[in-house]
Amino acid sequence: MATKVANSNPSPQHETASAPHKKPRTLAGVAVLPADENRKKTLTLYENALRLMQAGKYEKAHGIFNEMLANAPHDLADRIRMYIAACVAQISKGATSFETHEERYDYAISLLNHGHYDDAREHFQAILLKNDAADYAFYGLALLASMTGENQKCIEHLTEAIRLNGQNRIQARSDSDFDGVADDPRFTELLYPEA
């Protein structure tokens, strides 16, 4: 019968299992990983956006990733940009499936806010193709025209938005996105017809 000899040198597998957990190292030293509530919330949003992408809801995922990017921890920012690009690619391929016109509008506003003017215009126009009385789509086109310096188009689209829904006049009065056209007398007359 063979007797086992106790090995005084434990195998490398046993060493790592019993060794204390080490912090990751960088060229500058030990990396500090923040564990605050903001990071936890960001990670939760990140996971939710990934699930939305996996479910084919690229426009919703894109919106979440865009919101996260401004305050994202440095170690996530590059991955978030990569996923934003992937969402945009899928959306441009026509992989979008908006449940409502309002969702498409929200997505178009997100594109507008991030400087994707041509893409935003396409979504506003797509809404109008299906519902030519969608005042909010005309309002969005008016915002876009104001932001791109197209005063005449801005006035035309805003006129139609107000004709379809008078509340748009009140909203436009306090909307800073119309600052580019605020000095145009036609704009003032449209917003303050009683003056």
Protein backbone atom coordinates (compact mmCIF):
# COMPACT_ATOMS: atom_id res chain seq x y z
CA MET A 1 0.00 0.00 0.00
CA ALA A 2 1.42 3.34 -1.03
CA THR A 3 1.63 6.04 1.55
CA LYS A 4 1.04 9.62 0.63
CA VAL A 5 3.84 12.02 1.31
CA ALA A 6 2.77 15.41 2.50
CA ASN A 7 3.96 18.09 0.14
CA SER A 8 5.38 21.07 1.94
CA ASN A 9 4.96 23.23 -1.18
CA PRO A 10 1.29 23.67 -1.94
CA SER A 11 0.33 23.78 -5.59
CA PRO A 12 -0.17 27.17 -7.25
CA GLN A 13 -3.92 26.51 -7.33
CA HIS A 14 -4.02 26.29 -3.56
CA GLU A 15 -1.89 29.38 -3.15
CA THR A 16 -4.22 31.60 -5.14
CA ALA A 17 -7.28 30.22 -3.44
CA SER A 18 -5.98 31.05 0.01
CA ALA A 19 -4.16 34.28 -0.91
CA PRO A 20 -5.90 37.50 0.10
CA HIS A 21 -7.78 39.32 -2.71
CA LYS A 22 -5.50 41.88 -4.34
CA LYS A 23 -6.59 45.19 -5.81
CA PRO A 24 -6.05 45.61 -9.56
CA ARG A 25 -2.81 47.36 -10.45
CA THR A 26 -2.15 50.01 -13.03
CA LEU A 27 1.05 51.61 -14.24
CA ALA A 28 0.51 54.43 -11.78
CA GLY A 29 -0.19 52.10 -8.86
CA VAL A 30 -3.29 50.54 -7.40
CA ALA A 31 -6.55 51.44 -9.15
CA VAL A 32 -9.19 52.88 -6.90
CA LEU A 33 -12.63 51.56 -7.72
CA PRO A 34 -15.37 53.81 -6.36
CA ALA A 35 -18.25 51.96 -4.77
CA ASP A 36 -20.65 54.83 -4.27
CA GLU A 37 -24.38 54.92 -4.93
CA ASN A 38 -23.95 56.83 -8.20
CA ARG A 39 -21.83 54.03 -9.64
CA LYS A 40 -24.39 51.42 -8.53
CA LYS A 41 -27.18 53.36 -10.26
CA THR A 42 -25.08 53.75 -13.39
CA LEU A 43 -24.35 50.01 -13.47
CA THR A 44 -28.05 49.23 -13.05
CA LEU A 45 -28.91 51.55 -15.96
CA TYR A 46 -26.10 50.00 -18.00
CA GLU A 47 -27.45 46.49 -17.42
CA ASN A 48 -30.99 47.60 -18.29
CA ALA A 49 -29.80 49.20 -21.53
CA LEU A 50 -27.93 46.00 -22.46
CA ARG A 51 -31.10 43.98 -21.88
CA LEU A 52 -33.03 46.37 -24.10
CA MET A 53 -30.44 45.92 -26.84
CA GLN A 54 -30.70 42.15 -26.52
CA ALA A 55 -34.47 42.47 -26.86
CA GLY A 56 -34.04 44.50 -30.06
CA LYS A 57 -35.25 47.77 -28.49
CA TYR A 58 -32.32 49.80 -29.78
CA GLU A 59 -33.98 53.20 -29.60
CA LYS A 60 -34.75 52.83 -25.89
CA ALA A 61 -31.27 51.47 -25.17
CA HIS A 62 -29.76 54.36 -27.14
CA GLY A 63 -31.64 56.88 -25.00
CA ILE A 64 -30.43 55.30 -21.76
CA PHE A 65 -26.83 55.05 -22.95
CA ASN A 66 -26.88 58.71 -24.04
CA GLU A 67 -28.18 59.80 -20.63
CA MET A 68 -25.52 57.73 -18.88
CA LEU A 69 -22.59 58.99 -20.94
CA ALA A 70 -22.43 62.46 -19.39
CA ASN A 71 -21.87 61.13 -15.86
CA ALA A 72 -20.45 57.68 -16.60
CA PRO A 73 -17.40 56.48 -14.73
CA HIS A 74 -14.28 56.58 -16.90
CA ASP A 75 -14.03 52.78 -17.05
CA LEU A 76 -17.52 52.53 -18.59
CA ALA A 77 -17.49 55.54 -20.93
CA ASP A 78 -15.72 53.80 -23.83
CA ARG A 79 -18.04 50.80 -23.66
CA ILE A 80 -21.08 53.09 -23.51
CA ARG A 81 -19.86 54.92 -26.65
CA MET A 82 -19.41 51.57 -28.37
CA TYR A 83 -22.97 50.52 -27.50
CA ILE A 84 -24.34 53.91 -28.62
CA ALA A 85 -22.67 53.37 -31.98
CA ALA A 86 -24.12 49.85 -32.17
CA CYS A 87 -27.62 51.16 -31.38
CA VAL A 88 -27.33 53.89 -34.00
CA ALA A 89 -26.15 51.33 -36.57
CA GLN A 90 -29.09 49.04 -35.83
CA ILE A 91 -31.55 51.92 -35.89
CA SER A 92 -30.23 53.18 -39.21
CA LYS A 93 -30.68 49.67 -40.64
CA GLY A 94 -34.36 49.96 -39.82
CA ALA A 95 -34.24 47.69 -36.81
CA THR A 96 -36.43 50.09 -34.88
CA SER A 97 -39.85 49.16 -33.70
CA PHE A 98 -41.45 52.10 -31.97
CA GLU A 99 -44.58 51.14 -30.11
CA THR A 100 -46.04 54.66 -30.35
CA HIS A 101 -45.46 57.90 -32.22
CA GLU A 102 -44.61 59.48 -28.87
CA GLU A 103 -41.70 57.03 -28.43
CA ARG A 104 -40.43 57.92 -31.89
CA TYR A 105 -40.77 61.61 -30.99
CA ASP A 106 -38.80 61.13 -27.76
CA TYR A 107 -36.11 59.34 -29.71
CA ALA A 108 -36.02 62.12 -32.33
CA ILE A 109 -35.65 64.73 -29.57
CA SER A 110 -32.76 62.68 -28.14
CA LEU A 111 -31.11 62.71 -31.58
CA LEU A 112 -31.73 66.45 -31.87
CA ASN A 113 -30.19 67.12 -28.47
CA HIS A 114 -27.06 65.21 -29.47
CA GLY A 115 -26.66 67.06 -32.76
CA HIS A 116 -27.91 64.31 -35.09
CA TYR A 117 -30.10 66.73 -37.04
CA ASP A 118 -30.66 64.73 -40.22
CA ASP A 119 -31.63 61.60 -38.27
CA ALA A 120 -33.99 63.62 -36.07
CA ARG A 121 -35.62 65.17 -39.16
CA GLU A 122 -36.23 61.71 -40.64
CA HIS A 123 -38.03 60.57 -37.47
CA PHE A 124 -40.20 63.70 -37.26
CA GLN A 125 -41.14 63.25 -40.91
CA ALA A 126 -41.86 59.54 -40.36
CA ILE A 127 -44.35 60.50 -37.65
CA LEU A 128 -46.05 62.92 -40.03
CA LEU A 129 -46.27 60.29 -42.75
CA LYS A 130 -48.42 58.18 -40.46
CA ASN A 131 -50.24 61.02 -38.72
CA ASP A 132 -50.32 64.37 -40.54
CA ALA A 133 -52.03 65.97 -37.53
CA ALA A 134 -49.21 65.21 -35.08
CA ASP A 135 -48.63 68.72 -33.73
CA TYR A 136 -45.65 67.56 -31.67
CA ALA A 137 -43.83 66.42 -34.84
CA PHE A 138 -44.33 69.89 -36.39
CA TYR A 139 -43.09 71.37 -33.11
CA GLY A 140 -40.01 69.13 -33.29
CA LEU A 141 -39.34 70.20 -36.87
CA ALA A 142 -39.67 73.84 -35.74
CA LEU A 143 -37.09 73.23 -33.00
CA LEU A 144 -34.78 71.60 -35.50
CA ALA A 145 -35.14 74.48 -37.96
CA SER A 146 -34.44 77.01 -35.22
CA MET A 147 -31.33 75.14 -34.10
CA THR A 148 -30.01 74.93 -37.66
CA GLY A 149 -30.70 78.59 -38.49
CA GLU A 150 -33.58 77.99 -40.89
CA ASN A 151 -35.89 80.74 -39.65
CA GLN A 152 -38.46 80.50 -42.46
CA LYS A 153 -38.93 76.75 -41.96
CA CYS A 154 -39.06 77.26 -38.20
CA ILE A 155 -41.90 79.78 -38.55
CA GLU A 156 -43.79 77.51 -40.98
CA HIS A 157 -43.52 74.40 -38.78
CA LEU A 158 -44.32 76.27 -35.58
CA THR A 159 -47.34 77.91 -37.24
CA GLU A 160 -48.68 74.47 -38.12
CA ALA A 161 -47.93 73.09 -34.63
CA ILE A 162 -49.84 75.99 -33.06
CA ARG A 163 -52.73 75.64 -35.54
CA LEU A 164 -53.09 71.98 -34.53
CA ASN A 165 -52.64 72.60 -30.80
CA GLY A 166 -52.75 76.05 -29.21
CA GLN A 167 -50.74 74.83 -26.20
CA ASN A 168 -47.66 74.81 -28.43
CA ARG A 169 -47.75 78.63 -28.46
CA ILE A 170 -47.41 78.72 -24.69
CA GLN A 171 -44.67 76.11 -24.68
CA ALA A 172 -42.68 77.90 -27.39
CA ARG A 173 -42.70 81.14 -25.38
CA SER A 174 -40.40 79.59 -22.77
CA ASP A 175 -38.45 77.18 -24.97
CA SER A 176 -34.81 78.31 -25.15
CA ASP A 177 -34.28 76.24 -28.30
CA PHE A 178 -36.06 79.03 -30.17
CA ASP A 179 -33.49 81.64 -29.11
CA GLY A 180 -32.01 81.59 -32.63
CA VAL A 181 -35.23 82.88 -34.12
CA ALA A 182 -36.42 85.00 -31.18
CA ASP A 183 -35.42 88.29 -32.86
CA ASP A 184 -37.51 87.55 -35.96
CA PRO A 185 -40.67 89.73 -35.88
CA ARG A 186 -42.69 86.90 -37.47
CA PHE A 187 -41.78 84.68 -34.50
CA THR A 188 -42.86 87.34 -31.99
CA GLU A 189 -46.12 87.90 -33.88
CA LEU A 190 -46.79 84.15 -33.93
CA LEU A 191 -46.21 83.74 -30.18
CA TYR A 192 -47.89 86.98 -29.09
CA PRO A 193 -50.69 87.65 -31.60
CA GLU A 194 -52.64 89.71 -29.07
CA ALA A 195 -49.82 92.26 -28.66
